[in-house]
Amino acid sequence: MEFAIIGLGKMGAGLAHQALRKGANVIGLTNGEPDVELIKNGLIVAHDLEHLYQLMKSPRKVLLYLPAGVVIEDYIEKFSNLFDVGDIVLDGGNSYWGDSVRRHKTLKKSGIDFLDVGTSGGISGARDGACFMVGGERSAFEEVEHLLELMAAPEAVHYVGPAGCGHLTKLVHNGIEFGMLQAIGEGMALLEKYRESMPLEMESVFKAYRNASVIRSWLIDLMAEQYQVQKDAFSVSPYVEDTGEVNWLVSDALRLEVPLPVITQSVIELFRSRDDRRIDYRSIALMRHGFGGHPFGPKEELRFERAHARIGPF
């Protein structure tokens, strides 16, 4: 019941809150000061990685919730030099699956296990029950399964295969998500166009879509809820920000010669949103804000992350 989380942003902090609430001992390491509520609830704050190492008993279990790319690469090197045989490192971010295969091999040389943990469910999932897709050696997974179950929704911890499979499963998940967002956004654009001449009652439209219809889903629920919060889709910026990981999926598909017309087009449409003011992009922005707290409009920090995420298939 003891583990550490490095990176206490939206996802890492939410998981820490949930684990503390359920009685786990959580050590946290993050840039700046952790959430005051986390400290009140019992989070033990590490000042740096060496301090975190000293605070924990072996075998250590450490979850990373950090931006993909250089930051994680730096931590992998530090773990190799500092941690002990039998310690387990879990990467819960949106890293490229090929990088996870390589990182597994790197840490294995030092006797350290590495698990790539695709995490889904958004901010609310982190706080109340996430979905985990885990790749790596099964023996290492069995060592941490009970900790992941502590932070997961019922029956939402899944071992999906050897190293790389967790992040690969999550990458495909994100591609499907992009296609679904685009389809819902386009449907919203059509409804708004009809409203220019037809007195559609949007509250009833959403109730119809959400109740027993074929397209009922969490994304439709979020669209309805965000529409109510924002009053309409015209109140937000149409600029759809992202971290760029679905680009990796499209690149893989081209290399493997697997046609992904819907997912590929959804990525292109996302780029187009940055120069357009159509309702479908605003609708996508509303849903992404609902499930992940993604910003309305451009965000400089994400541009920086994309520019420095040199890891991946490119």
C-alpha atoms as a PDB file:
ATOM      1  CA  MET A   1       0.000   0.000   0.000  1.00  0.00           C
ATOM      2  CA  GLU A   2       2.992   2.317  -0.432  1.00  0.00           C
ATOM      3  CA  PHE A   3       3.994   3.859  -3.752  1.00  0.00           C
ATOM      4  CA  ALA A   4       5.188   7.123  -5.271  1.00  0.00           C
ATOM      5  CA  ILE A   5       3.813   9.369  -7.986  1.00  0.00           C
ATOM      6  CA  ILE A   6       6.152  11.617  -9.923  1.00  0.00           C
ATOM      7  CA  GLY A   7       4.168  14.366 -11.632  1.00  0.00           C
ATOM      8  CA  LEU A   8       1.192  15.728  -9.713  1.00  0.00           C
ATOM      9  CA  GLY A   9      -0.640  17.445 -12.531  1.00  0.00           C
ATOM     10  CA  LYS A  10      -4.287  16.804 -13.380  1.00  0.00           C
ATOM     11  CA  MET A  11      -3.979  13.019 -13.659  1.00  0.00           C
ATOM     12  CA  GLY A  12      -1.228  12.369 -11.117  1.00  0.00           C
ATOM     13  CA  ALA A  13      -2.868  14.533  -8.471  1.00  0.00           C
ATOM     14  CA  GLY A  14      -6.265  12.943  -9.039  1.00  0.00           C
ATOM     15  CA  LEU A  15      -4.860   9.441  -8.620  1.00  0.00           C
ATOM     16  CA  ALA A  16      -2.957  10.522  -5.505  1.00  0.00           C
ATOM     17  CA  HIS A  17      -6.164  11.952  -4.001  1.00  0.00           C
ATOM     18  CA  GLN A  18      -7.991   8.705  -4.669  1.00  0.00           C
ATOM     19  CA  ALA A  19      -5.223   6.476  -3.285  1.00  0.00           C
ATOM     20  CA  LEU A  20      -4.865   8.558  -0.116  1.00  0.00           C
ATOM     21  CA  ARG A  21      -8.617   8.467   0.371  1.00  0.00           C
ATOM     22  CA  LYS A  22      -8.463   4.664   0.260  1.00  0.00           C
ATOM     23  CA  GLY A  23      -5.689   4.375   2.813  1.00  0.00           C
ATOM     24  CA  ALA A  24      -2.508   4.086   0.738  1.00  0.00           C
ATOM     25  CA  ASN A  25       0.778   5.723   1.694  1.00  0.00           C
ATOM     26  CA  VAL A  26       1.699   8.021  -1.200  1.00  0.00           C
ATOM     27  CA  ILE A  27       4.982   9.831  -1.747  1.00  0.00           C
ATOM     28  CA  GLY A  28       4.816  12.662  -4.264  1.00  0.00           C
ATOM     29  CA  LEU A  29       7.437  14.463  -6.345  1.00  0.00           C
ATOM     30  CA  THR A  30       6.479  17.306  -8.647  1.00  0.00           C
ATOM     31  CA  ASN A  31       7.563  20.667  -9.975  1.00  0.00           C
ATOM     32  CA  GLY A  32       6.499  23.467  -7.633  1.00  0.00           C
ATOM     33  CA  GLU A  33       4.281  22.869  -4.624  1.00  0.00           C
ATOM     34  CA  PRO A  34       1.765  19.995  -4.531  1.00  0.00           C
ATOM     35  CA  ASP A  35      -1.920  20.703  -3.988  1.00  0.00           C
ATOM     36  CA  VAL A  36      -2.464  21.752  -0.361  1.00  0.00           C
ATOM     37  CA  GLU A  37      -5.375  19.316  -0.090  1.00  0.00           C
ATOM     38  CA  LEU A  38      -3.036  16.438  -0.962  1.00  0.00           C
ATOM     39  CA  ILE A  39      -0.682  17.362   1.867  1.00  0.00           C
ATOM     40  CA  LYS A  40      -3.589  17.694   4.301  1.00  0.00           C
ATOM     41  CA  ASN A  41      -4.732  14.210   3.295  1.00  0.00           C
ATOM     42  CA  GLY A  42      -1.338  12.687   4.053  1.00  0.00           C
ATOM     43  CA  LEU A  43       0.839  13.019   0.950  1.00  0.00           C
ATOM     44  CA  ILE A  44       4.531  12.728   1.824  1.00  0.00           C
ATOM     45  CA  VAL A  45       6.455  15.238  -0.286  1.00  0.00           C
ATOM     46  CA  ALA A  46       9.851  14.282  -1.718  1.00  0.00           C
ATOM     47  CA  HIS A  47      12.213  17.145  -2.562  1.00  0.00           C
ATOM     48  CA  ASP A  48      14.024  15.285  -5.336  1.00  0.00           C
ATOM     49  CA  LEU A  49      14.442  11.755  -6.688  1.00  0.00           C
ATOM     50  CA  GLU A  50      17.185  10.824  -4.212  1.00  0.00           C
ATOM     51  CA  HIS A  51      14.962  11.938  -1.324  1.00  0.00           C
ATOM     52  CA  LEU A  52      12.095   9.885  -2.775  1.00  0.00           C
ATOM     53  CA  TYR A  53      14.425   6.859  -2.956  1.00  0.00           C
ATOM     54  CA  GLN A  54      15.368   7.292   0.708  1.00  0.00           C
ATOM     55  CA  LEU A  55      11.745   7.652   1.834  1.00  0.00           C
ATOM     56  CA  MET A  56      10.684   4.333   0.296  1.00  0.00           C
ATOM     57  CA  LYS A  57      11.251   0.725   1.238  1.00  0.00           C
ATOM     58  CA  SER A  58      12.357  -1.816  -1.356  1.00  0.00           C
ATOM     59  CA  PRO A  59      10.832  -2.997  -3.610  1.00  0.00           C
ATOM     60  CA  ARG A  60       9.817   0.541  -4.607  1.00  0.00           C
ATOM     61  CA  LYS A  61       6.862   1.166  -6.880  1.00  0.00           C
ATOM     62  CA  VAL A  62       6.928   4.492  -8.711  1.00  0.00           C
ATOM     63  CA  LEU A  63       4.304   5.854 -11.128  1.00  0.00           C
ATOM     64  CA  LEU A  64       5.259   8.515 -13.680  1.00  0.00           C
ATOM     65  CA  TYR A  65       2.620  10.966 -14.874  1.00  0.00           C
ATOM     66  CA  LEU A  66       4.803  13.242 -16.970  1.00  0.00           C
ATOM     67  CA  PRO A  67       4.765  14.624 -20.536  1.00  0.00           C
ATOM     68  CA  ALA A  68       6.016  12.181 -23.176  1.00  0.00           C
ATOM     69  CA  GLY A  69       9.545  12.653 -24.418  1.00  0.00           C
ATOM     70  CA  VAL A  70      12.691  14.124 -22.945  1.00  0.00           C
ATOM     71  CA  VAL A  71      11.478  14.419 -19.334  1.00  0.00           C
ATOM     72  CA  ILE A  72      10.733  10.700 -19.047  1.00  0.00           C
ATOM     73  CA  GLU A  73      13.956   9.819 -20.847  1.00  0.00           C
ATOM     74  CA  ASP A  74      15.910  11.752 -18.209  1.00  0.00           C
ATOM     75  CA  TYR A  75      14.122   9.938 -15.389  1.00  0.00           C
ATOM     76  CA  ILE A  76      14.831   6.522 -16.935  1.00  0.00           C
ATOM     77  CA  GLU A  77      18.552   7.300 -16.838  1.00  0.00           C
ATOM     78  CA  LYS A  78      18.302   8.425 -13.207  1.00  0.00           C
ATOM     79  CA  PHE A  79      16.395   5.279 -12.201  1.00  0.00           C
ATOM     80  CA  SER A  80      19.081   3.106 -13.828  1.00  0.00           C
ATOM     81  CA  ASN A  81      21.766   4.710 -11.686  1.00  0.00           C
ATOM     82  CA  LEU A  82      19.863   5.060  -8.402  1.00  0.00           C
ATOM     83  CA  PHE A  83      17.187   2.402  -7.918  1.00  0.00           C
ATOM     84  CA  ASP A  84      17.605  -1.188  -6.733  1.00  0.00           C
ATOM     85  CA  VAL A  85      17.014  -4.617  -8.232  1.00  0.00           C
ATOM     86  CA  GLY A  86      13.323  -5.495  -7.941  1.00  0.00           C
ATOM     87  CA  ASP A  87      12.041  -1.907  -7.968  1.00  0.00           C
ATOM     88  CA  ILE A  88       9.194  -1.227 -10.405  1.00  0.00           C
ATOM     89  CA  VAL A  89       8.695   1.884 -12.546  1.00  0.00           C
ATOM     90  CA  LEU A  90       5.320   2.522 -14.202  1.00  0.00           C
ATOM     91  CA  ASP A  91       4.848   5.110 -16.951  1.00  0.00           C
ATOM     92  CA  GLY A  92       1.211   6.198 -16.900  1.00  0.00           C
ATOM     93  CA  GLY A  93       1.554   9.006 -19.453  1.00  0.00           C
ATOM     94  CA  ASN A  94       0.978   9.001 -23.201  1.00  0.00           C
ATOM     95  CA  SER A  95       4.435   7.815 -24.233  1.00  0.00           C
ATOM     96  CA  TYR A  96       5.035   6.202 -27.628  1.00  0.00           C
ATOM     97  CA  TRP A  97       4.877   2.411 -27.328  1.00  0.00           C
ATOM     98  CA  GLY A  98       8.208   1.920 -29.133  1.00  0.00           C
ATOM     99  CA  ASP A  99       9.931   4.111 -26.555  1.00  0.00           C
ATOM    100  CA  SER A 100       8.392   1.983 -23.801  1.00  0.00           C
ATOM    101  CA  VAL A 101       9.854  -1.191 -25.334  1.00  0.00           C
ATOM    102  CA  ARG A 102      13.307   0.434 -25.335  1.00  0.00           C
ATOM    103  CA  ARG A 103      12.920   1.796 -21.780  1.00  0.00           C
ATOM    104  CA  HIS A 104      11.926  -1.651 -20.550  1.00  0.00           C
ATOM    105  CA  LYS A 105      15.176  -3.069 -21.955  1.00  0.00           C
ATOM    106  CA  THR A 106      17.235  -0.220 -20.472  1.00  0.00           C
ATOM    107  CA  LEU A 107      15.910  -0.659 -16.936  1.00  0.00           C
ATOM    108  CA  LYS A 108      16.016  -4.458 -17.139  1.00  0.00           C
ATOM    109  CA  LYS A 109      19.808  -4.231 -17.420  1.00  0.00           C
ATOM    110  CA  SER A 110      19.776  -2.743 -13.900  1.00  0.00           C
ATOM    111  CA  GLY A 111      17.309  -5.332 -12.589  1.00  0.00           C
ATOM    112  CA  ILE A 112      14.458  -2.797 -12.516  1.00  0.00           C
ATOM    113  CA  ASP A 113      11.044  -3.681 -13.936  1.00  0.00           C
ATOM    114  CA  PHE A 114       9.231  -1.248 -16.234  1.00  0.00           C
ATOM    115  CA  LEU A 115       5.503  -1.253 -16.983  1.00  0.00           C
ATOM    116  CA  ASP A 116       3.815   0.960 -19.548  1.00  0.00           C
ATOM    117  CA  VAL A 117       0.405   1.887 -18.203  1.00  0.00           C
ATOM    118  CA  GLY A 118      -2.082   3.429 -20.592  1.00  0.00           C
ATOM    119  CA  THR A 119      -4.488   5.431 -18.436  1.00  0.00           C
ATOM    120  CA  SER A 120      -7.980   6.462 -19.505  1.00  0.00           C
ATOM    121  CA  GLY A 121     -10.992   8.045 -17.851  1.00  0.00           C
ATOM    122  CA  GLY A 122      -9.926  11.678 -17.794  1.00  0.00           C
ATOM    123  CA  ILE A 123      -9.743  13.854 -14.698  1.00  0.00           C
ATOM    124  CA  SER A 124     -12.893  12.388 -13.173  1.00  0.00           C
ATOM    125  CA  GLY A 125     -11.510   8.874 -13.697  1.00  0.00           C
ATOM    126  CA  ALA A 126      -8.304   9.783 -11.896  1.00  0.00           C
ATOM    127  CA  ARG A 127     -10.325  11.022  -8.911  1.00  0.00           C
ATOM    128  CA  ASP A 128     -13.018   8.336  -8.865  1.00  0.00           C
ATOM    129  CA  GLY A 129     -11.838   5.299 -10.838  1.00  0.00           C
ATOM    130  CA  ALA A 130      -9.602   5.111 -13.894  1.00  0.00           C
ATOM    131  CA  CYS A 131      -9.052   2.484 -16.592  1.00  0.00           C
ATOM    132  CA  PHE A 132      -5.532   1.018 -16.811  1.00  0.00           C
ATOM    133  CA  MET A 133      -4.047  -0.883 -19.786  1.00  0.00           C
ATOM    134  CA  VAL A 134      -0.744  -2.427 -18.703  1.00  0.00           C
ATOM    135  CA  GLY A 135       2.175  -3.754 -20.726  1.00  0.00           C
ATOM    136  CA  GLY A 136       5.346  -5.415 -19.414  1.00  0.00           C
ATOM    137  CA  GLU A 137       6.304  -8.625 -17.677  1.00  0.00           C
ATOM    138  CA  ARG A 138       3.329 -10.324 -16.063  1.00  0.00           C
ATOM    139  CA  SER A 139       5.258 -10.983 -12.850  1.00  0.00           C
ATOM    140  CA  ALA A 140       5.862  -7.240 -12.404  1.00  0.00           C
ATOM    141  CA  PHE A 141       2.219  -6.516 -13.196  1.00  0.00           C
ATOM    142  CA  GLU A 142       1.098  -8.943 -10.494  1.00  0.00           C
ATOM    143  CA  GLU A 143       3.270  -7.068  -7.983  1.00  0.00           C
ATOM    144  CA  VAL A 144       1.398  -3.785  -8.592  1.00  0.00           C
ATOM    145  CA  GLU A 145      -2.029  -5.041  -9.648  1.00  0.00           C
ATOM    146  CA  HIS A 146      -3.512  -4.408  -6.199  1.00  0.00           C
ATOM    147  CA  LEU A 147      -2.260  -0.788  -6.238  1.00  0.00           C
ATOM    148  CA  LEU A 148      -3.748  -0.112  -9.664  1.00  0.00           C
ATOM    149  CA  GLU A 149      -7.038  -1.697  -8.582  1.00  0.00           C
ATOM    150  CA  LEU A 150      -7.068   0.747  -5.679  1.00  0.00           C
ATOM    151  CA  MET A 151      -7.278   3.633  -8.189  1.00  0.00           C
ATOM    152  CA  ALA A 152      -9.345   1.943 -10.902  1.00  0.00           C
ATOM    153  CA  ALA A 153     -13.026   1.562 -11.624  1.00  0.00           C
ATOM    154  CA  PRO A 154     -14.368  -1.965 -11.001  1.00  0.00           C
ATOM    155  CA  GLU A 155     -12.758  -4.514 -13.357  1.00  0.00           C
ATOM    156  CA  ALA A 156     -10.786  -1.744 -15.093  1.00  0.00           C
ATOM    157  CA  VAL A 157      -7.203  -2.995 -14.643  1.00  0.00           C
ATOM    158  CA  HIS A 158      -6.118  -4.929 -17.730  1.00  0.00           C
ATOM    159  CA  TYR A 159      -2.848  -6.700 -18.479  1.00  0.00           C
ATOM    160  CA  VAL A 160      -2.674  -6.479 -22.287  1.00  0.00           C
ATOM    161  CA  GLY A 161       0.732  -7.992 -23.127  1.00  0.00           C
ATOM    162  CA  PRO A 162       4.518  -7.543 -22.969  1.00  0.00           C
ATOM    163  CA  ALA A 163       6.453  -4.272 -22.945  1.00  0.00           C
ATOM    164  CA  GLY A 164       4.919  -1.588 -25.149  1.00  0.00           C
ATOM    165  CA  CYS A 165       1.449  -3.148 -25.309  1.00  0.00           C
ATOM    166  CA  GLY A 166      -0.051  -0.867 -22.658  1.00  0.00           C
ATOM    167  CA  HIS A 167       0.898   2.322 -24.458  1.00  0.00           C
ATOM    168  CA  LEU A 168       0.049   0.805 -27.842  1.00  0.00           C
ATOM    169  CA  THR A 169      -3.452  -0.058 -26.594  1.00  0.00           C
ATOM    170  CA  LYS A 170      -3.877   3.474 -25.232  1.00  0.00           C
ATOM    171  CA  LEU A 171      -2.569   5.013 -28.475  1.00  0.00           C
ATOM    172  CA  VAL A 172      -5.176   3.156 -30.537  1.00  0.00           C
ATOM    173  CA  HIS A 173      -7.766   4.163 -27.912  1.00  0.00           C
ATOM    174  CA  ASN A 174      -6.829   7.816 -28.453  1.00  0.00           C
ATOM    175  CA  GLY A 175      -7.154   7.434 -32.221  1.00  0.00           C
ATOM    176  CA  ILE A 176     -10.659   5.979 -31.845  1.00  0.00           C
ATOM    177  CA  GLU A 177     -11.465   8.828 -29.474  1.00  0.00           C
ATOM    178  CA  PHE A 178     -10.394  11.391 -32.111  1.00  0.00           C
ATOM    179  CA  GLY A 179     -12.701   9.806 -34.702  1.00  0.00           C
ATOM    180  CA  MET A 180     -15.632   9.773 -32.272  1.00  0.00           C
ATOM    181  CA  LEU A 181     -15.056  13.395 -31.287  1.00  0.00           C
ATOM    182  CA  GLN A 182     -14.972  14.443 -34.933  1.00  0.00           C
ATOM    183  CA  ALA A 183     -18.206  12.611 -35.759  1.00  0.00           C
ATOM    184  CA  ILE A 184     -20.043  14.158 -32.802  1.00  0.00           C
ATOM    185  CA  GLY A 185     -18.636  17.590 -33.649  1.00  0.00           C
ATOM    186  CA  GLU A 186     -19.858  17.332 -37.240  1.00  0.00           C
ATOM    187  CA  GLY A 187     -23.289  16.241 -36.040  1.00  0.00           C
ATOM    188  CA  MET A 188     -23.423  19.280 -33.765  1.00  0.00           C
ATOM    189  CA  ALA A 189     -22.473  21.541 -36.693  1.00  0.00           C
ATOM    190  CA  LEU A 190     -25.373  20.150 -38.706  1.00  0.00           C
ATOM    191  CA  LEU A 191     -27.824  20.585 -35.822  1.00  0.00           C
ATOM    192  CA  GLU A 192     -26.738  24.204 -35.385  1.00  0.00           C
ATOM    193  CA  LYS A 193     -27.262  24.829 -39.104  1.00  0.00           C
ATOM    194  CA  TYR A 194     -30.758  23.358 -38.912  1.00  0.00           C
ATOM    195  CA  ARG A 195     -31.509  25.639 -35.944  1.00  0.00           C
ATOM    196  CA  GLU A 196     -31.236  28.655 -38.206  1.00  0.00           C
ATOM    197  CA  SER A 197     -34.628  27.702 -39.648  1.00  0.00           C
ATOM    198  CA  MET A 198     -35.934  24.916 -37.381  1.00  0.00           C
ATOM    199  CA  PRO A 199     -36.754  25.616 -33.681  1.00  0.00           C
ATOM    200  CA  LEU A 200     -34.875  22.603 -32.325  1.00  0.00           C
ATOM    201  CA  GLU A 201     -34.973  22.196 -28.536  1.00  0.00           C
ATOM    202  CA  MET A 202     -31.408  21.130 -27.852  1.00  0.00           C
ATOM    203  CA  GLU A 203     -32.068  19.934 -24.305  1.00  0.00           C
ATOM    204  CA  SER A 204     -34.555  17.400 -25.656  1.00  0.00           C
ATOM    205  CA  VAL A 205     -32.218  16.438 -28.506  1.00  0.00           C
ATOM    206  CA  PHE A 206     -29.489  15.595 -26.021  1.00  0.00           C
ATOM    207  CA  LYS A 207     -31.908  13.655 -23.808  1.00  0.00           C
ATOM    208  CA  ALA A 208     -32.857  11.570 -26.843  1.00  0.00           C
ATOM    209  CA  TYR A 209     -29.238  10.873 -27.763  1.00  0.00           C
ATOM    210  CA  ARG A 210     -28.303   9.980 -24.164  1.00  0.00           C
ATOM    211  CA  ASN A 211     -31.215   7.672 -23.326  1.00  0.00           C
ATOM    212  CA  ALA A 212     -31.114   4.192 -24.927  1.00  0.00           C
ATOM    213  CA  SER A 213     -30.019   5.461 -28.356  1.00  0.00           C
ATOM    214  CA  VAL A 214     -27.346   3.672 -30.398  1.00  0.00           C
ATOM    215  CA  ILE A 215     -24.960   6.638 -30.013  1.00  0.00           C
ATOM    216  CA  ARG A 216     -25.331   7.012 -26.235  1.00  0.00           C
ATOM    217  CA  SER A 217     -21.877   7.385 -24.707  1.00  0.00           C
ATOM    218  CA  TRP A 218     -19.804   9.299 -22.172  1.00  0.00           C
ATOM    219  CA  LEU A 219     -18.742  11.701 -24.927  1.00  0.00           C
ATOM    220  CA  ILE A 220     -22.380  12.491 -25.752  1.00  0.00           C
ATOM    221  CA  ASP A 221     -22.990  13.010 -22.023  1.00  0.00           C
ATOM    222  CA  LEU A 222     -20.043  15.436 -21.880  1.00  0.00           C
ATOM    223  CA  MET A 223     -21.279  17.279 -24.957  1.00  0.00           C
ATOM    224  CA  ALA A 224     -24.679  17.767 -23.354  1.00  0.00           C
ATOM    225  CA  GLU A 225     -23.217  18.829 -20.000  1.00  0.00           C
ATOM    226  CA  GLN A 226     -20.705  21.247 -21.519  1.00  0.00           C
ATOM    227  CA  TYR A 227     -23.388  22.699 -23.800  1.00  0.00           C
ATOM    228  CA  GLN A 228     -25.424  23.482 -20.709  1.00  0.00           C
ATOM    229  CA  VAL A 229     -22.447  24.941 -18.801  1.00  0.00           C
ATOM    230  CA  GLN A 230     -21.267  27.086 -21.716  1.00  0.00           C
ATOM    231  CA  LYS A 231     -24.876  27.778 -22.845  1.00  0.00           C
ATOM    232  CA  ASP A 232     -23.907  27.037 -26.464  1.00  0.00           C
ATOM    233  CA  ALA A 233     -20.839  26.050 -28.489  1.00  0.00           C
ATOM    234  CA  PHE A 234     -20.251  29.591 -29.742  1.00  0.00           C
ATOM    235  CA  SER A 235     -18.937  30.752 -26.371  1.00  0.00           C
ATOM    236  CA  VAL A 236     -15.586  28.948 -26.644  1.00  0.00           C
ATOM    237  CA  SER A 237     -12.577  29.157 -28.931  1.00  0.00           C
ATOM    238  CA  PRO A 238     -12.656  26.708 -31.872  1.00  0.00           C
ATOM    239  CA  TYR A 239      -8.899  26.143 -31.472  1.00  0.00           C
ATOM    240  CA  VAL A 240      -8.478  22.465 -30.492  1.00  0.00           C
ATOM    241  CA  GLU A 241      -5.199  21.919 -28.620  1.00  0.00           C
ATOM    242  CA  ASP A 242      -3.559  18.514 -28.248  1.00  0.00           C
ATOM    243  CA  THR A 243      -0.280  16.839 -27.296  1.00  0.00           C
ATOM    244  CA  GLY A 244       0.277  15.257 -30.728  1.00  0.00           C
ATOM    245  CA  GLU A 245       0.374  11.560 -29.814  1.00  0.00           C
ATOM    246  CA  VAL A 246      -2.270  10.501 -32.360  1.00  0.00           C
ATOM    247  CA  ASN A 247       0.165  11.693 -35.042  1.00  0.00           C
ATOM    248  CA  TRP A 248       2.300   8.698 -33.973  1.00  0.00           C
ATOM    249  CA  LEU A 249      -0.623   6.372 -34.639  1.00  0.00           C
ATOM    250  CA  VAL A 250      -1.115   7.776 -38.150  1.00  0.00           C
ATOM    251  CA  SER A 251       2.627   7.416 -38.780  1.00  0.00           C
ATOM    252  CA  ASP A 252       2.529   3.780 -37.634  1.00  0.00           C
ATOM    253  CA  ALA A 253      -0.480   3.105 -39.852  1.00  0.00           C
ATOM    254  CA  LEU A 254       1.323   4.482 -42.925  1.00  0.00           C
ATOM    255  CA  ARG A 255       4.369   2.320 -42.153  1.00  0.00           C
ATOM    256  CA  LEU A 256       2.190  -0.779 -41.621  1.00  0.00           C
ATOM    257  CA  GLU A 257       0.035   0.059 -44.672  1.00  0.00           C
ATOM    258  CA  VAL A 258      -3.174  -0.016 -42.633  1.00  0.00           C
ATOM    259  CA  PRO A 259      -5.755   2.516 -43.881  1.00  0.00           C
ATOM    260  CA  LEU A 260      -7.084   4.797 -41.121  1.00  0.00           C
ATOM    261  CA  PRO A 261      -9.202   7.290 -43.069  1.00  0.00           C
ATOM    262  CA  VAL A 262     -11.428   8.445 -40.195  1.00  0.00           C
ATOM    263  CA  ILE A 263      -8.663   8.808 -37.603  1.00  0.00           C
ATOM    264  CA  THR A 264      -6.254  10.419 -40.094  1.00  0.00           C
ATOM    265  CA  GLN A 265      -8.897  12.891 -41.234  1.00  0.00           C
ATOM    266  CA  SER A 266      -9.773  13.714 -37.621  1.00  0.00           C
ATOM    267  CA  VAL A 267      -6.132  14.712 -37.014  1.00  0.00           C
ATOM    268  CA  ILE A 268      -6.173  16.890 -40.150  1.00  0.00           C
ATOM    269  CA  GLU A 269      -9.434  18.490 -39.033  1.00  0.00           C
ATOM    270  CA  LEU A 270      -7.870  19.202 -35.639  1.00  0.00           C
ATOM    271  CA  PHE A 271      -5.087  21.122 -37.389  1.00  0.00           C
ATOM    272  CA  ARG A 272      -7.681  22.956 -39.494  1.00  0.00           C
ATOM    273  CA  SER A 273      -9.495  24.075 -36.340  1.00  0.00           C
ATOM    274  CA  ARG A 274      -6.620  26.433 -35.609  1.00  0.00           C
ATOM    275  CA  ASP A 275      -7.488  28.608 -38.586  1.00  0.00           C
ATOM    276  CA  ASP A 276     -11.275  28.283 -38.638  1.00  0.00           C
ATOM    277  CA  ARG A 277     -14.292  29.183 -36.512  1.00  0.00           C
ATOM    278  CA  ARG A 278     -16.717  26.374 -37.269  1.00  0.00           C
ATOM    279  CA  ILE A 279     -19.100  24.868 -34.703  1.00  0.00           C
ATOM    280  CA  ASP A 280     -17.725  21.311 -34.993  1.00  0.00           C
ATOM    281  CA  TYR A 281     -14.330  22.436 -33.676  1.00  0.00           C
ATOM    282  CA  ARG A 282     -15.971  24.290 -30.815  1.00  0.00           C
ATOM    283  CA  SER A 283     -17.957  21.122 -29.999  1.00  0.00           C
ATOM    284  CA  ILE A 284     -14.775  19.025 -29.935  1.00  0.00           C
ATOM    285  CA  ALA A 285     -13.145  21.643 -27.688  1.00  0.00           C
ATOM    286  CA  LEU A 286     -16.126  21.408 -25.308  1.00  0.00           C
ATOM    287  CA  MET A 287     -15.912  17.620 -25.022  1.00  0.00           C
ATOM    288  CA  ARG A 288     -12.108  17.590 -24.615  1.00  0.00           C
ATOM    289  CA  HIS A 289     -12.451  20.195 -21.870  1.00  0.00           C
ATOM    290  CA  GLY A 290     -15.098  18.023 -20.232  1.00  0.00           C
ATOM    291  CA  PHE A 291     -13.101  14.780 -20.057  1.00  0.00           C
ATOM    292  CA  GLY A 292      -9.536  16.043 -19.767  1.00  0.00           C
ATOM    293  CA  GLY A 293      -9.641  19.673 -18.707  1.00  0.00           C
ATOM    294  CA  HIS A 294      -8.011  20.544 -22.034  1.00  0.00           C
ATOM    295  CA  PRO A 295      -7.741  24.302 -22.618  1.00  0.00           C
ATOM    296  CA  PHE A 296     -10.007  26.480 -24.685  1.00  0.00           C
ATOM    297  CA  GLY A 297      -7.674  28.015 -27.263  1.00  0.00           C
ATOM    298  CA  PRO A 298      -3.906  27.586 -27.683  1.00  0.00           C
ATOM    299  CA  LYS A 299      -1.715  26.828 -24.687  1.00  0.00           C
ATOM    300  CA  GLU A 300       1.968  27.684 -24.750  1.00  0.00           C
ATOM    301  CA  GLU A 301       2.977  24.836 -22.385  1.00  0.00           C
ATOM    302  CA  LEU A 302       1.588  22.220 -24.794  1.00  0.00           C
ATOM    303  CA  ARG A 303       3.399  23.797 -27.714  1.00  0.00           C
ATOM    304  CA  PHE A 304       6.592  23.533 -25.682  1.00  0.00           C
ATOM    305  CA  GLU A 305       5.885  19.859 -24.899  1.00  0.00           C
ATOM    306  CA  ARG A 306       5.358  19.047 -28.581  1.00  0.00           C
ATOM    307  CA  ALA A 307       8.544  20.842 -29.544  1.00  0.00           C
ATOM    308  CA  HIS A 308      10.582  18.882 -26.973  1.00  0.00           C
ATOM    309  CA  ALA A 309       8.959  15.464 -27.361  1.00  0.00           C
ATOM    310  CA  ARG A 310      11.734  14.281 -29.676  1.00  0.00           C
ATOM    311  CA  ILE A 311      10.966  10.681 -28.752  1.00  0.00           C
ATOM    312  CA  GLY A 312       8.616   8.691 -30.974  1.00  0.00           C
ATOM    313  CA  PRO A 313       8.466   7.330 -34.520  1.00  0.00           C
ATOM    314  CA  PHE A 314       9.574  10.481 -36.374  1.00  0.00           C
END
